[in-house]
PDB file of N, CA and C in Angstrom:
ATOM      1  N   MET A   1       0.810  -1.092  -0.001  1.00  0.00           N
ATOM      2  CA  MET A   1      -0.098  -0.024   0.108  1.00  0.00           C
ATOM      3  C   MET A   1       0.895   1.218  -0.010  1.00  0.00           C
ATOM      4  N   ASN A   2       1.949   1.233  -0.634  1.00  0.00           N
ATOM      5  CA  ASN A   2       2.791   2.373  -0.746  1.00  0.00           C
ATOM      6  C   ASN A   2       2.382   3.328  -1.709  1.00  0.00           C
ATOM      7  N   GLN A   3       2.135   4.623  -1.504  1.00  0.00           N
ATOM      8  CA  GLN A   3       1.728   5.553  -2.471  1.00  0.00           C
ATOM      9  C   GLN A   3       3.044   6.327  -2.820  1.00  0.00           C
ATOM     10  N   SER A   4       2.809   6.875  -4.045  1.00  0.00           N
ATOM     11  CA  SER A   4       4.017   7.764  -4.419  1.00  0.00           C
ATOM     12  C   SER A   4       3.773   9.139  -3.876  1.00  0.00           C
ATOM     13  N   ILE A   5       4.795   9.990  -3.868  1.00  0.00           N
ATOM     14  CA  ILE A   5       4.626  11.360  -3.374  1.00  0.00           C
ATOM     15  C   ILE A   5       3.522  12.118  -4.277  1.00  0.00           C
ATOM     16  N   GLN A   6       3.722  11.802  -5.559  1.00  0.00           N
ATOM     17  CA  GLN A   6       2.996  12.407  -6.523  1.00  0.00           C
ATOM     18  C   GLN A   6       1.379  12.315  -6.337  1.00  0.00           C
ATOM     19  N   SER A   7       1.122  11.029  -6.024  1.00  0.00           N
ATOM     20  CA  SER A   7      -0.301  10.684  -5.706  1.00  0.00           C
ATOM     21  C   SER A   7      -0.957  11.192  -4.434  1.00  0.00           C
ATOM     22  N   SER A   8       0.048  11.283  -3.533  1.00  0.00           N
ATOM     23  CA  SER A   8      -0.407  11.652  -2.212  1.00  0.00           C
ATOM     24  C   SER A   8      -0.695  13.235  -2.047  1.00  0.00           C
ATOM     25  N   THR A   9      -0.076  13.915  -2.855  1.00  0.00           N
ATOM     26  CA  THR A   9      -0.050  15.286  -2.919  1.00  0.00           C
ATOM     27  C   THR A   9      -1.039  15.951  -4.070  1.00  0.00           C
ATOM     28  N   ASN A  10      -1.508  14.927  -4.875  1.00  0.00           N
ATOM     29  CA  ASN A  10      -2.432  15.285  -6.074  1.00  0.00           C
ATOM     30  C   ASN A  10      -1.645  16.397  -6.930  1.00  0.00           C
ATOM     31  N   GLY A  11      -0.325  16.370  -6.896  1.00  0.00           N
ATOM     32  CA  GLY A  11       0.316  17.276  -7.818  1.00  0.00           C
ATOM     33  C   GLY A  11       0.450  18.709  -7.328  1.00  0.00           C
ATOM     34  N   VAL A  12       0.005  18.913  -6.107  1.00  0.00           N
ATOM     35  CA  VAL A  12       0.046  20.348  -5.513  1.00  0.00           C
ATOM     36  C   VAL A  12       1.488  20.592  -4.963  1.00  0.00           C
ATOM     37  N   ALA A  13       2.063  21.643  -5.488  1.00  0.00           N
ATOM     38  CA  ALA A  13       3.394  21.914  -4.938  1.00  0.00           C
ATOM     39  C   ALA A  13       3.322  22.701  -3.570  1.00  0.00           C
ATOM     40  N   PHE A  14       4.088  22.115  -2.695  1.00  0.00           N
ATOM     41  CA  PHE A  14       4.197  22.507  -1.355  1.00  0.00           C
ATOM     42  C   PHE A  14       5.419  23.353  -1.158  1.00  0.00           C
ATOM     43  N   ARG A  15       5.224  24.469  -0.431  1.00  0.00           N
ATOM     44  CA  ARG A  15       6.430  25.146   0.123  1.00  0.00           C
ATOM     45  C   ARG A  15       6.598  25.084   1.595  1.00  0.00           C
ATOM     46  N   SER A  16       7.922  25.615   2.156  1.00  0.00           N
ATOM     47  CA  SER A  16       7.967  25.342   3.511  1.00  0.00           C
ATOM     48  C   SER A  16       7.161  26.268   4.230  1.00  0.00           C
ATOM     49  N   PRO A  17       6.594  25.904   5.292  1.00  0.00           N
ATOM     50  CA  PRO A  17       5.493  26.809   6.148  1.00  0.00           C
ATOM     51  C   PRO A  17       6.226  28.113   6.551  1.00  0.00           C
ATOM     52  N   ALA A  18       5.467  29.123   6.679  1.00  0.00           N
ATOM     53  CA  ALA A  18       5.782  30.473   7.072  1.00  0.00           C
ATOM     54  C   ALA A  18       6.397  30.314   8.562  1.00  0.00           C
ATOM     55  N   PHE A  19       5.753  29.300   9.309  1.00  0.00           N
ATOM     56  CA  PHE A  19       6.095  29.363  10.692  1.00  0.00           C
ATOM     57  C   PHE A  19       7.764  29.031  10.886  1.00  0.00           C
ATOM     58  N   ASN A  20       8.296  28.161  10.056  1.00  0.00           N
ATOM     59  CA  ASN A  20       9.699  27.876  10.197  1.00  0.00           C
ATOM     60  C   ASN A  20      10.522  29.141   9.839  1.00  0.00           C
ATOM     61  N   ARG A  21      10.106  29.943   8.833  1.00  0.00           N
ATOM     62  CA  ARG A  21      10.870  31.154   8.669  1.00  0.00           C
ATOM     63  C   ARG A  21      10.683  32.173   9.738  1.00  0.00           C
ATOM     64  N   ASN A  22       9.488  32.375  10.314  1.00  0.00           N
ATOM     65  CA  ASN A  22       9.351  33.215  11.489  1.00  0.00           C
ATOM     66  C   ASN A  22      10.193  32.636  12.624  1.00  0.00           C
ATOM     67  N   VAL A  23      10.390  31.478  12.763  1.00  0.00           N
ATOM     68  CA  VAL A  23      11.214  30.960  13.947  1.00  0.00           C
ATOM     69  C   VAL A  23      12.554  31.351  13.826  1.00  0.00           C
ATOM     70  N   LYS A  24      13.130  31.070  12.495  1.00  0.00           N
ATOM     71  CA  LYS A  24      14.456  31.251  12.280  1.00  0.00           C
ATOM     72  C   LYS A  24      14.700  32.983  12.499  1.00  0.00           C
ATOM     73  N   ARG A  25      13.827  33.793  12.085  1.00  0.00           N
ATOM     74  CA  ARG A  25      13.984  35.249  12.205  1.00  0.00           C
ATOM     75  C   ARG A  25      13.943  35.615  13.614  1.00  0.00           C
ATOM     76  N   PHE A  26      13.163  35.125  14.377  1.00  0.00           N
ATOM     77  CA  PHE A  26      13.008  35.345  15.894  1.00  0.00           C
ATOM     78  C   PHE A  26      14.245  35.031  16.452  1.00  0.00           C
ATOM     79  N   PHE A  27      14.770  33.828  16.240  1.00  0.00           N
ATOM     80  CA  PHE A  27      16.056  33.530  16.944  1.00  0.00           C
ATOM     81  C   PHE A  27      17.299  34.322  16.484  1.00  0.00           C
ATOM     82  N   THR A  28      17.228  34.676  15.217  1.00  0.00           N
ATOM     83  CA  THR A  28      18.391  35.586  14.715  1.00  0.00           C
ATOM     84  C   THR A  28      18.255  36.887  15.394  1.00  0.00           C
ATOM     85  N   ARG A  29      17.083  37.414  15.673  1.00  0.00           N
ATOM     86  CA  ARG A  29      17.087  38.727  16.519  1.00  0.00           C
ATOM     87  C   ARG A  29      17.258  38.409  17.899  1.00  0.00           C
ATOM     88  N   VAL A  30      16.953  37.421  18.498  1.00  0.00           N
ATOM     89  CA  VAL A  30      17.314  37.187  19.972  1.00  0.00           C
ATOM     90  C   VAL A  30      18.867  37.103  19.962  1.00  0.00           C
ATOM     91  N   MET A  31      19.588  36.349  19.173  1.00  0.00           N
ATOM     92  CA  MET A  31      20.965  36.396  19.258  1.00  0.00           C
ATOM     93  C   MET A  31      21.660  37.712  18.986  1.00  0.00           C
ATOM     94  N   ARG A  32      21.171  38.545  18.002  1.00  0.00           N
ATOM     95  CA  ARG A  32      21.677  39.794  17.898  1.00  0.00           C
ATOM     96  C   ARG A  32      21.339  40.748  19.122  1.00  0.00           C
ATOM     97  N   ASN A  33      20.241  40.502  19.748  1.00  0.00           N
ATOM     98  CA  ASN A  33      20.055  41.530  20.820  1.00  0.00           C
ATOM     99  C   ASN A  33      20.937  40.973  22.186  1.00  0.00           C
ATOM    100  N   LEU A  34      21.266  39.582  22.292  1.00  0.00           N
ATOM    101  CA  LEU A  34      21.898  39.171  23.166  1.00  0.00           C
ATOM    102  C   LEU A  34      23.338  39.655  23.036  1.00  0.00           C
ATOM    103  N   THR A  35      23.987  39.541  21.818  1.00  0.00           N
ATOM    104  CA  THR A  35      25.185  39.986  21.485  1.00  0.00           C
ATOM    105  C   THR A  35      25.384  41.503  21.951  1.00  0.00           C
ATOM    106  N   TRP A  36      24.323  42.285  21.515  1.00  0.00           N
ATOM    107  CA  TRP A  36      24.394  43.795  21.799  1.00  0.00           C
ATOM    108  C   TRP A  36      24.474  44.051  23.396  1.00  0.00           C
ATOM    109  N   TYR A  37      23.794  43.190  24.125  1.00  0.00           N
ATOM    110  CA  TYR A  37      23.527  43.311  25.471  1.00  0.00           C
ATOM    111  C   TYR A  37      24.917  42.956  26.121  1.00  0.00           C
ATOM    112  N   GLY A  38      25.581  41.931  25.650  1.00  0.00           N
ATOM    113  CA  GLY A  38      26.824  41.452  26.123  1.00  0.00           C
ATOM    114  C   GLY A  38      27.900  42.598  25.807  1.00  0.00           C
ATOM    115  N   ARG A  39      27.884  43.259  24.751  1.00  0.00           N
ATOM    116  CA  ARG A  39      28.966  44.308  24.484  1.00  0.00           C
ATOM    117  C   ARG A  39      28.722  45.460  25.283  1.00  0.00           C
ATOM    118  N   ALA A  40      27.359  45.866  25.533  1.00  0.00           N
ATOM    119  CA  ALA A  40      27.127  47.055  26.397  1.00  0.00           C
ATOM    120  C   ALA A  40      27.483  46.756  27.900  1.00  0.00           C
ATOM    121  N   LYS A  41      27.387  45.552  28.287  1.00  0.00           N
ATOM    122  CA  LYS A  41      27.637  44.990  29.629  1.00  0.00           C
ATOM    123  C   LYS A  41      29.238  45.149  29.800  1.00  0.00           C
ATOM    124  N   ALA A  42      29.910  44.609  28.766  1.00  0.00           N
ATOM    125  CA  ALA A  42      31.463  44.720  28.717  1.00  0.00           C
ATOM    126  C   ALA A  42      31.899  46.063  28.611  1.00  0.00           C
ATOM    127  N   ALA A  43      31.304  46.982  27.863  1.00  0.00           N
ATOM    128  CA  ALA A  43      31.747  48.358  27.749  1.00  0.00           C
ATOM    129  C   ALA A  43      31.459  48.965  29.221  1.00  0.00           C
ATOM    130  N   ARG A  44      30.404  48.785  29.856  1.00  0.00           N
ATOM    131  CA  ARG A  44      30.213  49.323  31.249  1.00  0.00           C
ATOM    132  C   ARG A  44      31.243  48.919  32.160  1.00  0.00           C
ATOM    133  N   ALA A  45      31.647  47.618  32.081  1.00  0.00           N
ATOM    134  CA  ALA A  45      32.808  47.260  32.988  1.00  0.00           C
ATOM    135  C   ALA A  45      34.076  47.866  32.658  1.00  0.00           C
ATOM    136  N   LEU A  46      34.334  48.022  31.358  1.00  0.00           N
ATOM    137  CA  LEU A  46      35.554  48.607  30.968  1.00  0.00           C
ATOM    138  C   LEU A  46      35.553  50.224  31.498  1.00  0.00           C
ATOM    139  N   ALA A  47      34.413  50.836  31.282  1.00  0.00           N
ATOM    140  CA  ALA A  47      34.273  52.260  31.645  1.00  0.00           C
ATOM    141  C   ALA A  47      34.469  52.367  33.187  1.00  0.00           C
ATOM    142  N   ARG A  48      34.067  51.432  33.828  1.00  0.00           N
ATOM    143  CA  ARG A  48      34.056  51.456  35.397  1.00  0.00           C
ATOM    144  C   ARG A  48      35.565  51.262  35.845  1.00  0.00           C
ATOM    145  N   HIS A  49      36.412  50.652  35.025  1.00  0.00           N
ATOM    146  CA  HIS A  49      37.746  50.470  35.390  1.00  0.00           C
ATOM    147  C   HIS A  49      38.644  51.556  34.771  1.00  0.00           C
ATOM    148  N   GLY A  50      37.992  52.397  34.153  1.00  0.00           N
ATOM    149  CA  GLY A  50      38.850  53.571  33.570  1.00  0.00           C
ATOM    150  C   GLY A  50      39.225  53.430  32.164  1.00  0.00           C
ATOM    151  N   TYR A  51      38.909  52.479  31.463  1.00  0.00           N
ATOM    152  CA  TYR A  51      39.274  52.159  30.005  1.00  0.00           C
ATOM    153  C   TYR A  51      38.069  52.780  29.107  1.00  0.00           C
ATOM    154  N   HIS A  52      37.975  54.016  29.120  1.00  0.00           N
ATOM    155  CA  HIS A  52      36.742  54.718  28.540  1.00  0.00           C
ATOM    156  C   HIS A  52      36.948  54.629  26.849  1.00  0.00           C
ATOM    157  N   GLU A  53      38.166  54.822  26.442  1.00  0.00           N
ATOM    158  CA  GLU A  53      38.432  54.797  25.051  1.00  0.00           C
ATOM    159  C   GLU A  53      38.128  53.354  24.474  1.00  0.00           C
ATOM    160  N   GLN A  54      38.419  52.273  25.080  1.00  0.00           N
ATOM    161  CA  GLN A  54      38.223  50.914  24.685  1.00  0.00           C
ATOM    162  C   GLN A  54      36.655  50.705  24.694  1.00  0.00           C
ATOM    163  N   ALA A  55      36.020  51.117  25.716  1.00  0.00           N
ATOM    164  CA  ALA A  55      34.490  51.019  25.997  1.00  0.00           C
ATOM    165  C   ALA A  55      33.863  51.665  24.783  1.00  0.00           C
ATOM    166  N   LYS A  56      34.291  52.949  24.479  1.00  0.00           N
ATOM    167  CA  LYS A  56      33.717  53.637  23.371  1.00  0.00           C
ATOM    168  C   LYS A  56      33.900  52.862  22.018  1.00  0.00           C
ATOM    169  N   ASN A  57      35.102  52.305  21.714  1.00  0.00           N
ATOM    170  CA  ASN A  57      35.348  51.640  20.576  1.00  0.00           C
ATOM    171  C   ASN A  57      34.645  50.324  20.438  1.00  0.00           C
ATOM    172  N   LEU A  58      34.437  49.728  21.537  1.00  0.00           N
ATOM    173  CA  LEU A  58      33.622  48.327  21.614  1.00  0.00           C
ATOM    174  C   LEU A  58      32.100  48.625  21.250  1.00  0.00           C
ATOM    175  N   LEU A  59      31.411  49.701  21.787  1.00  0.00           N
ATOM    176  CA  LEU A  59      30.107  50.145  21.327  1.00  0.00           C
ATOM    177  C   LEU A  59      30.053  50.470  19.833  1.00  0.00           C
ATOM    178  N   GLU A  60      30.990  51.431  19.545  1.00  0.00           N
ATOM    179  CA  GLU A  60      30.887  51.913  18.026  1.00  0.00           C
ATOM    180  C   GLU A  60      31.030  50.865  17.011  1.00  0.00           C
ATOM    181  N   ASP A  61      31.927  49.853  17.433  1.00  0.00           N
ATOM    182  CA  ASP A  61      31.974  48.679  16.481  1.00  0.00           C
ATOM    183  C   ASP A  61      30.674  47.772  16.393  1.00  0.00           C
ATOM    184  N   SER A  62      30.088  47.812  17.405  1.00  0.00           N
ATOM    185  CA  SER A  62      28.699  47.092  17.375  1.00  0.00           C
ATOM    186  C   SER A  62      27.777  47.401  16.456  1.00  0.00           C
ATOM    187  N   TRP A  63      27.857  48.725  16.067  1.00  0.00           N
ATOM    188  CA  TRP A  63      26.709  49.292  15.001  1.00  0.00           C
ATOM    189  C   TRP A  63      27.150  49.066  13.681  1.00  0.00           C
ATOM    190  N   LYS A  64      28.279  48.586  13.483  1.00  0.00           N
ATOM    191  CA  LYS A  64      28.792  48.378  11.978  1.00  0.00           C
ATOM    192  C   LYS A  64      28.428  46.901  11.622  1.00  0.00           C
TER     193      LYS A  64
END
């Protein structure tokens, strides 16, 4: 009772669901925000220890 893919789909072309694309976009944005948060936290620590120029460079590089 094996059916071919063609007969089970009746010739309808399927595409990947929009849900999968949205999940990928969501996790991409989460990673980008976590990276930005980590850089801001590191810059804050550098500035607290007196490395103001390095902290400024770290934050400026994050926007490129």
